[in-house]
N, C-alpha and C. Protein backbone atom coordinates (compact mmCIF):
# COMPACT_ATOMS: atom_id res chain seq x y z
N UNK A 1 -48.31 47.18 -1.00
CA UNK A 1 -48.67 48.15 -2.54
C UNK A 1 -48.16 49.11 -1.83
N UNK A 2 -47.23 50.32 -2.00
CA UNK A 2 -46.41 50.84 -0.88
C UNK A 2 -46.30 52.38 -2.39
N UNK A 3 -46.08 51.25 -3.94
CA UNK A 3 -45.66 51.86 -5.10
C UNK A 3 -47.27 52.81 -5.22
N UNK A 4 -48.66 51.33 -5.53
CA UNK A 4 -50.40 51.52 -6.49
C UNK A 4 -50.71 52.52 -5.20
N UNK A 5 -50.30 52.78 -3.55
CA UNK A 5 -50.69 53.62 -2.85
C UNK A 5 -49.76 55.41 -3.10
N UNK A 6 -48.86 55.38 -3.98
CA UNK A 6 -48.53 56.65 -4.49
C UNK A 6 -48.71 56.66 -5.35
N UNK A 7 -48.54 55.71 -6.09
CA UNK A 7 -49.80 55.93 -7.61
C UNK A 7 -51.02 56.63 -7.68
N UNK A 8 -51.93 56.48 -6.54
CA UNK A 8 -53.07 56.33 -6.69
C UNK A 8 -53.16 57.78 -5.91
N UNK A 9 -52.50 57.80 -5.03
CA UNK A 9 -52.41 58.74 -4.58
C UNK A 9 -51.55 60.36 -5.49
N UNK A 10 -51.11 60.04 -6.38
CA UNK A 10 -50.88 61.42 -7.06
C UNK A 10 -51.29 61.42 -7.81
N UNK A 11 -51.71 60.74 -8.96
CA UNK A 11 -53.34 60.81 -9.66
C UNK A 11 -54.50 60.57 -9.00
N UNK A 12 -54.96 61.20 -8.31
CA UNK A 12 -55.91 61.46 -7.06
C UNK A 12 -55.89 63.20 -7.08
N UNK A 13 -54.96 64.04 -6.24
CA UNK A 13 -54.40 65.15 -6.33
C UNK A 13 -54.27 65.71 -7.70
N UNK A 14 -53.55 65.35 -8.68
CA UNK A 14 -53.58 65.96 -9.67
C UNK A 14 -54.62 65.64 -10.85
N UNK A 15 -55.78 64.65 -10.67
CA UNK A 15 -56.66 65.20 -11.31
C UNK A 15 -57.71 66.11 -10.55
N UNK A 16 -57.46 66.50 -9.51
CA UNK A 16 -58.16 67.64 -8.53
C UNK A 16 -57.73 68.60 -9.04
N UNK A 17 -56.18 68.84 -9.30
CA UNK A 17 -55.68 70.52 -9.61
C UNK A 17 -56.28 70.57 -11.15
N UNK A 18 -56.20 69.53 -11.61
CA UNK A 18 -56.81 69.68 -12.86
C UNK A 18 -58.15 69.49 -13.86
N UNK A 19 -58.93 68.85 -12.33
CA UNK A 19 -60.73 69.18 -12.38
C UNK A 19 -60.45 70.84 -12.41
N UNK A 20 -60.09 71.63 -11.46
CA UNK A 20 -60.39 72.81 -10.50
C UNK A 20 -59.50 73.93 -12.12
N UNK A 21 -58.74 73.47 -12.44
CA UNK A 21 -58.49 74.72 -13.52
C UNK A 21 -59.59 74.21 -14.86
N UNK A 22 -60.62 72.49 -14.88
CA UNK A 22 -61.18 72.63 -16.19
C UNK A 22 -62.56 73.77 -15.09
N UNK A 23 -63.01 73.44 -14.66
CA UNK A 23 -64.20 73.74 -13.73
C UNK A 23 -63.84 75.16 -13.67
N UNK A 24 -62.58 75.93 -13.58
CA UNK A 24 -62.91 77.46 -13.87
C UNK A 24 -62.99 77.85 -15.34
N UNK A 25 -62.76 77.58 -16.05
CA UNK A 25 -62.45 77.35 -16.96
C UNK A 25 -64.35 77.36 -17.86
N UNK A 26 -64.66 76.71 -16.87
CA UNK A 26 -65.97 76.58 -18.28
C UNK A 26 -67.43 76.34 -16.84
N UNK A 27 -67.54 76.73 -15.85
CA UNK A 27 -68.20 77.29 -15.03
C UNK A 27 -67.91 78.49 -13.94
N UNK A 28 -69.20 79.34 -13.57
CA UNK A 28 -69.37 80.45 -12.56
C UNK A 28 -68.49 80.32 -11.49
N UNK A 29 -67.52 80.93 -11.26
CA UNK A 29 -66.81 80.77 -9.91
C UNK A 29 -67.17 80.48 -8.17
N UNK A 30 -68.57 81.05 -8.46
CA UNK A 30 -69.21 80.33 -6.90
C UNK A 30 -69.22 78.79 -7.27
N UNK A 31 -69.72 78.21 -8.50
CA UNK A 31 -70.06 76.89 -8.92
C UNK A 31 -69.03 75.63 -8.70
N UNK A 32 -67.68 76.56 -9.38
CA UNK A 32 -66.59 76.20 -8.46
C UNK A 32 -66.67 75.32 -7.36
N UNK A 33 -66.63 76.22 -6.10
CA UNK A 33 -66.37 75.35 -5.05
C UNK A 33 -67.28 74.60 -4.61
N UNK A 34 -68.83 74.93 -4.73
CA UNK A 34 -69.60 73.91 -5.03
C UNK A 34 -69.62 72.54 -5.89
N UNK A 35 -69.33 72.28 -7.12
CA UNK A 35 -68.70 71.33 -7.27
C UNK A 35 -67.24 71.02 -6.64
N UNK A 36 -66.58 71.21 -7.05
CA UNK A 36 -64.99 70.56 -6.33
C UNK A 36 -65.40 70.37 -4.89
N UNK A 37 -66.15 71.27 -4.16
CA UNK A 37 -66.22 70.58 -2.16
C UNK A 37 -67.21 69.16 -2.68
N UNK A 38 -68.07 68.86 -3.64
CA UNK A 38 -69.23 67.79 -3.74
C UNK A 38 -68.57 66.80 -3.79
N UNK A 39 -67.06 66.57 -4.92
CA UNK A 39 -66.97 65.85 -5.79
C UNK A 39 -65.58 65.21 -4.49
N UNK A 40 -64.98 66.32 -3.79
CA UNK A 40 -64.28 65.77 -2.44
C UNK A 40 -65.01 64.79 -0.95
N UNK A 41 -65.90 65.52 -1.86
CA UNK A 41 -67.37 64.66 -0.73
C UNK A 41 -67.19 63.07 -1.70
N UNK A 42 -67.24 62.65 -2.02
CA UNK A 42 -67.47 61.74 -2.58
C UNK A 42 -66.56 60.40 -2.22
N UNK A 43 -64.95 60.94 -2.79
CA UNK A 43 -63.23 60.74 -2.22
C UNK A 43 -63.58 59.72 -0.34
N UNK A 44 -64.20 60.74 0.10
CA UNK A 44 -64.56 61.04 1.94
C UNK A 44 -65.99 59.58 2.17
N UNK A 45 -66.62 59.98 1.24
CA UNK A 45 -68.08 58.97 1.48
C UNK A 45 -67.58 57.41 1.29
N UNK A 46 -66.12 57.67 -0.22
CA UNK A 46 -66.14 56.18 -0.45
C UNK A 46 -64.92 55.07 0.97
N UNK A 47 -64.14 55.83 1.51
CA UNK A 47 -63.86 55.24 2.36
C UNK A 47 -64.82 54.96 3.57
N UNK A 48 -65.80 56.28 3.46
CA UNK A 48 -66.87 55.47 5.08
C UNK A 48 -67.39 55.25 4.36
N UNK A 49 -67.83 54.54 3.41
CA UNK A 49 -68.67 53.04 3.34
C UNK A 49 -67.85 51.68 3.05
N UNK A 50 -66.10 52.13 2.96
CA UNK A 50 -65.84 51.20 3.04
C UNK A 50 -65.59 51.04 4.84
N UNK A 51 -65.35 51.65 4.51
CA UNK A 51 -64.94 51.89 6.66
C UNK A 51 -66.25 50.71 7.52
N UNK A 52 -67.23 50.04 6.73
CA UNK A 52 -68.90 49.98 7.13
C UNK A 52 -68.70 48.39 6.95
N UNK A 53 -67.28 47.96 6.53
CA UNK A 53 -66.92 46.56 6.07
C UNK A 53 -67.01 46.21 7.48
N UNK A 54 -66.78 44.65 7.99
CA UNK A 54 -66.40 44.18 9.08
C UNK A 54 -64.71 43.10 8.75
N UNK A 55 -64.97 43.01 7.16
CA UNK A 55 -63.55 42.25 7.43
C UNK A 55 -62.84 42.68 6.21
N UNK A 56 -61.62 42.98 6.26
CA UNK A 56 -61.30 43.32 4.14
C UNK A 56 -60.92 42.30 3.67
N UNK A 57 -60.75 41.33 3.43
CA UNK A 57 -60.40 40.31 3.34
C UNK A 57 -59.51 40.40 1.86
N UNK A 58 -59.65 40.94 0.78
CA UNK A 58 -58.09 41.35 -0.29
C UNK A 58 -58.78 42.34 -0.95
N UNK A 59 -57.83 42.94 0.30
CA UNK A 59 -57.60 44.87 -0.48
C UNK A 59 -56.97 45.06 -1.86
N UNK A 60 -55.79 43.39 -2.00
CA UNK A 60 -55.63 44.01 -4.17
C UNK A 60 -56.42 43.96 -4.48
N UNK A 61 -57.50 43.32 -4.67
CA UNK A 61 -58.49 42.93 -5.41
C UNK A 61 -59.76 44.68 -5.07
N UNK A 62 -59.85 44.71 -4.51
CA UNK A 62 -60.81 45.30 -4.06
C UNK A 62 -60.40 46.97 -4.60
N UNK A 63 -58.54 47.22 -4.39
CA UNK A 63 -58.32 48.02 -5.13
C UNK A 63 -58.36 48.56 -6.48
N UNK A 64 -57.87 46.84 -6.93
CA UNK A 64 -58.22 47.09 -8.28
C UNK A 64 -59.16 47.23 -8.92
N UNK A 65 -59.90 46.80 -8.49
CA UNK A 65 -61.52 46.84 -8.66
C UNK A 65 -62.50 49.08 -9.34
N UNK A 66 -61.58 48.91 -7.78
CA UNK A 66 -61.89 50.02 -7.83
C UNK A 66 -61.30 51.74 -9.10
N UNK A 67 -59.88 51.00 -9.27
CA UNK A 67 -59.08 51.52 -10.27
C UNK A 67 -59.66 52.00 -11.18
N UNK A 68 -60.22 50.54 -11.90
CA UNK A 68 -60.79 50.09 -12.51
C UNK A 68 -62.05 50.89 -12.92
N UNK A 69 -63.07 51.14 -11.76
CA UNK A 69 -63.80 51.66 -12.18
C UNK A 69 -64.53 53.72 -11.84
N UNK A 70 -62.67 53.65 -11.17
CA UNK A 70 -62.88 54.79 -10.79
C UNK A 70 -62.19 55.18 -12.68
N UNK A 71 -61.16 54.93 -13.44
CA UNK A 71 -60.86 54.21 -14.75
C UNK A 71 -62.26 54.85 -15.68
N UNK A 72 -62.38 54.17 -15.72
CA UNK A 72 -64.66 53.95 -16.67
C UNK A 72 -65.53 55.08 -15.85
N UNK A 73 -65.40 55.44 -14.51
CA UNK A 73 -66.41 56.61 -14.20
C UNK A 73 -65.77 58.04 -14.60
N UNK A 74 -64.80 57.67 -14.61
CA UNK A 74 -64.18 58.70 -14.81
C UNK A 74 -64.05 60.16 -16.15
N UNK A 75 -64.05 59.24 -17.52
CA UNK A 75 -64.32 59.19 -18.62
C UNK A 75 -65.55 59.92 -18.89
N UNK A 76 -66.78 58.74 -17.93
CA UNK A 76 -68.06 58.55 -18.28
C UNK A 76 -68.42 60.57 -17.55
N UNK A 77 -68.27 60.68 -15.91
CA UNK A 77 -68.04 61.61 -15.63
C UNK A 77 -68.18 63.16 -16.39
N UNK A 78 -66.98 63.03 -17.37
CA UNK A 78 -66.50 64.07 -18.02
C UNK A 78 -67.52 64.84 -19.35
N UNK A 79 -67.71 63.08 -20.50
CA UNK A 79 -68.49 63.17 -20.94
C UNK A 79 -69.64 64.44 -20.83
N UNK A 80 -70.51 63.26 -19.45
CA UNK A 80 -71.73 64.42 -18.58
C UNK A 80 -71.42 65.89 -18.88
N UNK A 81 -69.82 65.75 -18.09
CA UNK A 81 -70.13 67.15 -17.77
C UNK A 81 -69.78 68.12 -18.67
N UNK A 82 -69.07 67.78 -20.22
CA UNK A 82 -68.68 68.43 -20.95
C UNK A 82 -70.10 68.25 -21.70
N UNK A 83 -71.17 67.49 -22.00
CA UNK A 83 -72.19 67.31 -22.85
C UNK A 83 -73.47 68.63 -21.92
N UNK A 84 -73.71 68.90 -20.60
CA UNK A 84 -74.33 68.88 -19.88
C UNK A 84 -74.03 70.08 -19.57
N UNK A 85 -72.69 70.43 -18.56
CA UNK A 85 -72.45 71.68 -17.61
C UNK A 85 -72.74 73.22 -17.91
N UNK A 86 -73.57 73.02 -18.87
CA UNK A 86 -74.24 74.30 -18.86
C UNK A 86 -75.70 74.65 -18.58
N UNK A 87 -76.00 73.45 -17.52
CA UNK A 87 -77.42 72.94 -16.99
C UNK A 87 -77.28 73.03 -15.57
N UNK A 88 -75.95 73.07 -14.67
CA UNK A 88 -75.66 73.83 -13.53
C UNK A 88 -76.08 75.21 -13.17
N UNK A 89 -76.59 75.47 -12.47
CA UNK A 89 -75.99 76.55 -11.43
C UNK A 89 -77.02 75.75 -9.79
N UNK A 90 -77.42 76.37 -8.70
CA UNK A 90 -76.98 76.77 -7.60
C UNK A 90 -77.85 75.98 -6.92
N UNK A 91 -78.86 76.47 -7.27
CA UNK A 91 -81.14 75.54 -7.67
C UNK A 91 -80.30 74.54 -8.03
N UNK A 92 -80.53 73.45 -6.66
CA UNK A 92 -80.10 71.70 -6.88
C UNK A 92 -80.99 71.52 -7.14
N UNK A 93 -81.55 71.48 -9.22
CA UNK A 93 -82.33 70.54 -9.82
C UNK A 93 -81.79 69.21 -10.35
N UNK A 94 -82.60 68.25 -10.80
CA UNK A 94 -81.94 66.80 -10.99
C UNK A 94 -80.93 67.68 -12.02
N UNK A 95 -80.20 67.84 -13.25
CA UNK A 95 -79.54 68.10 -13.57
C UNK A 95 -78.72 68.43 -12.96
N UNK A 96 -78.53 68.87 -11.86
CA UNK A 96 -77.64 69.77 -11.31
C UNK A 96 -77.23 68.01 -9.84
N UNK A 97 -77.46 68.75 -9.53
CA UNK A 97 -77.91 66.16 -8.86
C UNK A 97 -77.33 65.63 -9.29
N UNK A 98 -77.79 65.40 -10.82
CA UNK A 98 -77.17 64.61 -11.44
C UNK A 98 -75.60 63.95 -11.64
N UNK A 99 -75.55 65.34 -12.14
CA UNK A 99 -74.01 65.61 -12.99
C UNK A 99 -73.09 65.38 -11.22
N UNK A 100 -73.63 66.48 -10.41
CA UNK A 100 -73.01 66.54 -9.63
C UNK A 100 -72.82 65.09 -9.22
N UNK A 101 -73.69 64.13 -8.98
CA UNK A 101 -73.01 62.69 -8.68
C UNK A 101 -72.63 61.85 -9.45
N UNK A 102 -72.64 62.33 -11.06
CA UNK A 102 -71.26 61.82 -11.94
C UNK A 102 -69.88 61.53 -11.40
N UNK A 103 -69.89 63.58 -11.80
CA UNK A 103 -68.39 63.91 -11.13
C UNK A 103 -68.05 63.29 -9.36
N UNK A 104 -68.55 62.76 -8.72
CA UNK A 104 -68.59 62.45 -7.61
C UNK A 104 -67.48 61.10 -7.10
N UNK A 105 -68.25 60.14 -8.60
CA UNK A 105 -68.57 59.34 -8.25
C UNK A 105 -67.43 58.17 -9.06
N UNK A 106 -66.26 59.30 -9.30
CA UNK A 106 -65.04 58.41 -9.91
C UNK A 106 -64.15 58.86 -8.79
N UNK A 107 -64.48 59.78 -8.06
CA UNK A 107 -63.52 60.13 -6.52
C UNK A 107 -64.05 58.82 -5.70
N UNK A 108 -65.41 58.61 -5.51
CA UNK A 108 -66.41 57.65 -4.54
C UNK A 108 -64.75 56.29 -4.56
N UNK A 109 -64.71 55.20 -5.70
CA UNK A 109 -63.56 54.91 -6.46
C UNK A 109 -62.66 54.89 -5.69
N UNK A 110 -62.31 56.06 -6.25
CA UNK A 110 -60.42 55.84 -5.51
C UNK A 110 -60.61 55.92 -4.58
N UNK A 111 -61.55 57.14 -4.09
CA UNK A 111 -61.66 56.58 -1.97
C UNK A 111 -61.60 55.86 -1.29
N UNK A 112 -62.31 55.03 -1.95
CA UNK A 112 -62.14 53.22 -1.33
C UNK A 112 -61.12 52.48 -1.91
N UNK A 113 -60.51 52.94 -3.25
CA UNK A 113 -59.03 52.13 -3.25
C UNK A 113 -57.87 52.35 -1.90
N UNK A 114 -57.69 53.73 -1.89
CA UNK A 114 -56.92 54.23 -1.04
C UNK A 114 -57.65 54.13 0.37
N UNK A 115 -58.59 53.90 0.63
CA UNK A 115 -59.76 53.58 2.31
C UNK A 115 -58.96 51.68 2.78
N UNK A 116 -58.74 50.93 1.08
CA UNK A 116 -58.26 49.91 1.95
C UNK A 116 -57.35 49.35 1.34
N UNK A 117 -55.81 50.89 1.25
CA UNK A 117 -54.50 49.57 1.55
C UNK A 117 -54.22 50.45 2.22
N UNK A 118 -54.88 51.48 3.09
CA UNK A 118 -54.98 52.13 4.35
C UNK A 118 -54.80 51.85 5.50
N UNK A 119 -56.29 50.62 5.57
CA UNK A 119 -57.18 49.93 5.83
C UNK A 119 -56.84 48.96 6.47
N UNK A 120 -55.64 48.19 5.93
CA UNK A 120 -54.89 47.05 5.34
C UNK A 120 -54.12 46.89 6.71
N UNK A 121 -53.97 45.47 7.31
CA UNK A 121 -53.15 45.64 8.57
C UNK A 121 -51.61 44.83 8.22
N UNK A 122 -51.88 44.02 7.19
CA UNK A 122 -50.13 44.48 7.00
C UNK A 122 -49.30 45.59 6.44
N UNK A 123 -48.28 45.61 7.15
CA UNK A 123 -47.07 46.62 6.94
C UNK A 123 -47.15 47.77 7.74
N UNK A 124 -46.61 48.06 8.03
CA UNK A 124 -46.42 49.45 8.96
C UNK A 124 -47.60 51.02 8.27
N UNK A 125 -47.81 51.30 9.35
CA UNK A 125 -49.05 52.26 9.07
C UNK A 125 -48.44 53.62 8.33
N UNK A 126 -46.97 53.76 9.24
CA UNK A 126 -46.56 54.85 9.80
C UNK A 126 -45.97 55.33 7.55
N UNK A 127 -46.09 54.01 6.77
CA UNK A 127 -44.72 54.04 5.93
C UNK A 127 -45.99 54.21 5.02
N UNK A 128 -47.28 53.93 4.92
CA UNK A 128 -48.74 54.01 4.40
C UNK A 128 -48.20 55.14 4.12
N UNK A 129 -48.77 56.35 5.39
CA UNK A 129 -48.98 57.01 5.63
C UNK A 129 -48.25 58.75 4.58
N UNK A 130 -47.44 58.53 4.75
CA UNK A 130 -46.00 59.05 4.58
C UNK A 130 -45.97 58.91 2.82
N UNK A 131 -46.25 57.01 2.16
CA UNK A 131 -46.04 56.96 1.21
C UNK A 131 -47.49 58.06 0.74
N UNK A 132 -48.30 57.78 1.34
CA UNK A 132 -49.64 58.42 0.87
C UNK A 132 -49.73 60.38 0.39
N UNK A 133 -48.57 60.88 1.78
CA UNK A 133 -48.42 61.88 1.46
C UNK A 133 -47.76 62.64 0.74
N UNK A 134 -46.25 61.49 -0.05
CA UNK A 134 -45.73 62.35 -0.67
C UNK A 134 -46.16 62.32 -2.11
N UNK A 135 -47.48 60.66 -2.52
CA UNK A 135 -47.43 60.64 -3.55
C UNK A 135 -48.35 61.42 -4.03
N UNK A 136 -49.61 62.32 -2.41
CA UNK A 136 -50.58 63.32 -2.58
C UNK A 136 -49.55 64.94 -3.10
N UNK A 137 -48.04 64.83 -2.96
CA UNK A 137 -47.48 66.04 -3.19
C UNK A 137 -46.83 65.88 -4.49
N UNK A 138 -46.46 64.88 -5.46
CA UNK A 138 -45.81 64.95 -6.31
C UNK A 138 -47.68 65.46 -7.48
N UNK A 139 -48.34 64.74 -6.73
CA UNK A 139 -49.25 65.09 -8.25
C UNK A 139 -49.94 66.55 -7.83
N UNK A 140 -49.97 67.47 -6.70
CA UNK A 140 -50.27 68.42 -7.13
C UNK A 140 -49.17 69.20 -8.10
N UNK A 141 -48.25 68.56 -8.27
CA UNK A 141 -47.13 69.64 -9.30
C UNK A 141 -46.98 68.91 -10.73
N UNK A 142 -47.41 67.51 -10.79
CA UNK A 142 -47.48 66.38 -12.01
C UNK A 142 -48.30 67.23 -13.00
N UNK A 143 -49.22 68.01 -12.66
CA UNK A 143 -50.34 68.07 -13.48
C UNK A 143 -49.94 70.01 -14.39
N UNK A 144 -49.18 69.87 -14.01
CA UNK A 144 -48.56 71.11 -14.56
C UNK A 144 -47.76 70.82 -15.15
N UNK A 145 -46.99 70.02 -15.34
CA UNK A 145 -45.99 69.26 -16.48
C UNK A 145 -47.10 68.84 -17.48
N UNK A 146 -47.93 68.41 -16.91
CA UNK A 146 -48.79 67.46 -18.37
C UNK A 146 -49.29 68.85 -18.95
N UNK A 147 -49.63 69.94 -18.43
CA UNK A 147 -50.45 70.18 -18.86
C UNK A 147 -49.64 71.35 -20.27
N UNK A 148 -49.07 70.91 -19.81
CA UNK A 148 -47.75 71.27 -21.34
C UNK A 148 -48.35 71.06 -22.23
N UNK A 149 -47.90 69.32 -22.42
CA UNK A 149 -47.53 68.71 -23.88
C UNK A 149 -49.29 68.69 -24.03
N UNK A 150 -50.46 68.43 -23.07
CA UNK A 150 -51.03 67.86 -22.94
C UNK A 150 -52.42 68.89 -22.90
N UNK A 151 -53.97 68.96 -24.15
CA UNK A 151 -54.41 69.75 -23.56
C UNK A 151 -55.90 69.49 -21.95
N UNK A 152 -56.59 70.14 -21.91
CA UNK A 152 -57.15 69.38 -20.42
C UNK A 152 -58.15 68.26 -20.62
N UNK A 153 -58.52 68.61 -21.38
CA UNK A 153 -58.96 66.88 -21.96
C UNK A 153 -57.99 65.53 -22.57
N UNK A 154 -57.55 65.51 -22.82
CA UNK A 154 -55.82 64.93 -22.88
C UNK A 154 -55.23 64.25 -21.65
N UNK A 155 -55.17 65.35 -20.56
CA UNK A 155 -55.00 65.55 -19.11
C UNK A 155 -55.70 64.19 -18.47
N UNK A 156 -57.13 64.84 -18.98
CA UNK A 156 -58.11 63.47 -18.05
C UNK A 156 -58.18 62.45 -18.27
N UNK A 157 -57.97 62.02 -20.38
CA UNK A 157 -57.91 60.19 -20.34
C UNK A 157 -57.04 60.37 -20.03
N UNK A 158 -55.32 60.53 -20.18
CA UNK A 158 -54.40 60.68 -19.49
C UNK A 158 -54.28 59.52 -18.33
N UNK A 159 -55.05 60.62 -17.02
CA UNK A 159 -55.41 60.22 -15.74
C UNK A 159 -56.07 58.86 -15.60
N UNK A 160 -57.95 58.49 -17.08
CA UNK A 160 -57.76 57.58 -16.77
C UNK A 160 -57.61 56.73 -17.11
N UNK A 161 -56.57 57.03 -18.30
CA UNK A 161 -56.12 55.72 -18.58
C UNK A 161 -54.96 55.12 -17.54
N UNK A 162 -54.13 55.87 -16.52
CA UNK A 162 -53.16 55.61 -15.64
C UNK A 162 -54.49 54.56 -14.56
N UNK A 163 -55.42 54.98 -14.68
CA UNK A 163 -55.90 54.53 -13.25
C UNK A 163 -56.18 52.41 -13.60
N UNK A 164 -56.87 53.48 -15.08
CA UNK A 164 -57.87 51.61 -15.45
C UNK A 164 -55.91 50.60 -15.97
N UNK A 165 -54.53 51.00 -15.62
CA UNK A 165 -53.52 50.01 -16.58
C UNK A 165 -53.16 50.00 -15.28
N UNK A 166 -53.18 50.62 -13.53
CA UNK A 166 -52.50 50.48 -12.86
C UNK A 166 -53.88 49.22 -11.65
N UNK A 167 -54.81 49.50 -11.95
CA UNK A 167 -55.69 48.66 -11.49
C UNK A 167 -55.87 47.06 -12.87
N UNK A 168 -55.62 47.34 -14.02
CA UNK A 168 -55.54 46.10 -14.80
C UNK A 168 -54.08 45.08 -14.25
N UNK A 169 -52.72 45.82 -13.94
CA UNK A 169 -51.87 45.45 -13.34
C UNK A 169 -52.10 44.44 -11.98
N UNK A 170 -53.03 44.80 -10.81
CA UNK A 170 -53.05 45.31 -9.84
C UNK A 170 -54.36 42.79 -10.46
N UNK A 171 -55.24 42.84 -11.32
CA UNK A 171 -55.83 42.57 -11.31
C UNK A 171 -54.67 41.21 -11.98
N UNK A 172 -53.21 42.03 -12.62
CA UNK A 172 -53.40 40.29 -13.46
C UNK A 172 -52.59 39.91 -12.45
N UNK A 173 -51.79 40.73 -11.42
CA UNK A 173 -50.93 40.23 -10.89
C UNK A 173 -51.56 38.63 -9.62
N UNK A 174 -52.16 38.74 -9.20
CA UNK A 174 -53.90 38.63 -9.09
C UNK A 174 -53.84 37.03 -9.16
N UNK A 175 -54.14 37.25 -10.72
CA UNK A 175 -54.72 36.43 -11.86
C UNK A 175 -52.87 34.93 -11.74
N UNK A 176 -51.66 35.83 -12.46
CA UNK A 176 -50.24 34.89 -11.86
C UNK A 176 -50.22 33.94 -10.55
N UNK A 177 -50.76 35.06 -9.37
CA UNK A 177 -50.58 34.64 -7.90
C UNK A 177 -51.48 32.68 -7.98
N UNK A 178 -52.70 33.38 -8.81
CA UNK A 178 -53.90 32.29 -8.30
C UNK A 178 -52.80 30.66 -9.44
N UNK A 179 -53.28 31.63 -10.46
CA UNK A 179 -51.86 30.00 -11.50
C UNK A 179 -50.15 29.79 -10.81
N UNK A 180 -50.01 29.77 -10.06
CA UNK A 180 -48.39 29.29 -9.95
C UNK A 180 -48.68 28.90 -8.60
C-alpha cells in the first residue's frame, strides 16, 4: 500500500497547512496555536490508540474505514467551525472543548490509517517511512497550488473528497478480492 500511504501523507500535510491558513484568517493569533496543537494531538492519539491493539488483522480494511471516517469528519468539523468559531476562546468552556474535539476527530482517524500502514509487518519499513516523508513533503507544497484555483472551503472539500475516494477504492479492492 505504498501509494495509499503516500496519498494519505500528502493529504494530511496539505490539510494541516490549509487549516493553518484558514485559522489565521478566522481566529486570534494566540488561538491559532491552541487549535493547531489540539488538532495535531488528534493525529498522534489515533496512532496511540491503534498501538493498543494486540494484533492488526486486516490493515487495508482499517485504513479504508478510517479514510471514509476522515472524509466525513472533516466536513462535519469544518461545518461546526464555520458556524461556531466565534465562540472559541482560551477559557476552556464547552463550546471550545467541543469544537476542538470536532476539529481533532478527522486527524484521529487519519492517524489511525497512517499508523495501520506503518505497523503492517508485511513489506519494508524503511520504504514505508520514506514514502510517508515524500508524501508529507509534497503535501506541504500542493496546498499552495490548490489555493490558486480553489478557495479555502473548496480546498477543504477537495481534501475530504480525496480521502473518501481513496477509502472507497480500498474497500472496493477488498470486495473484488473476496469475490475472485
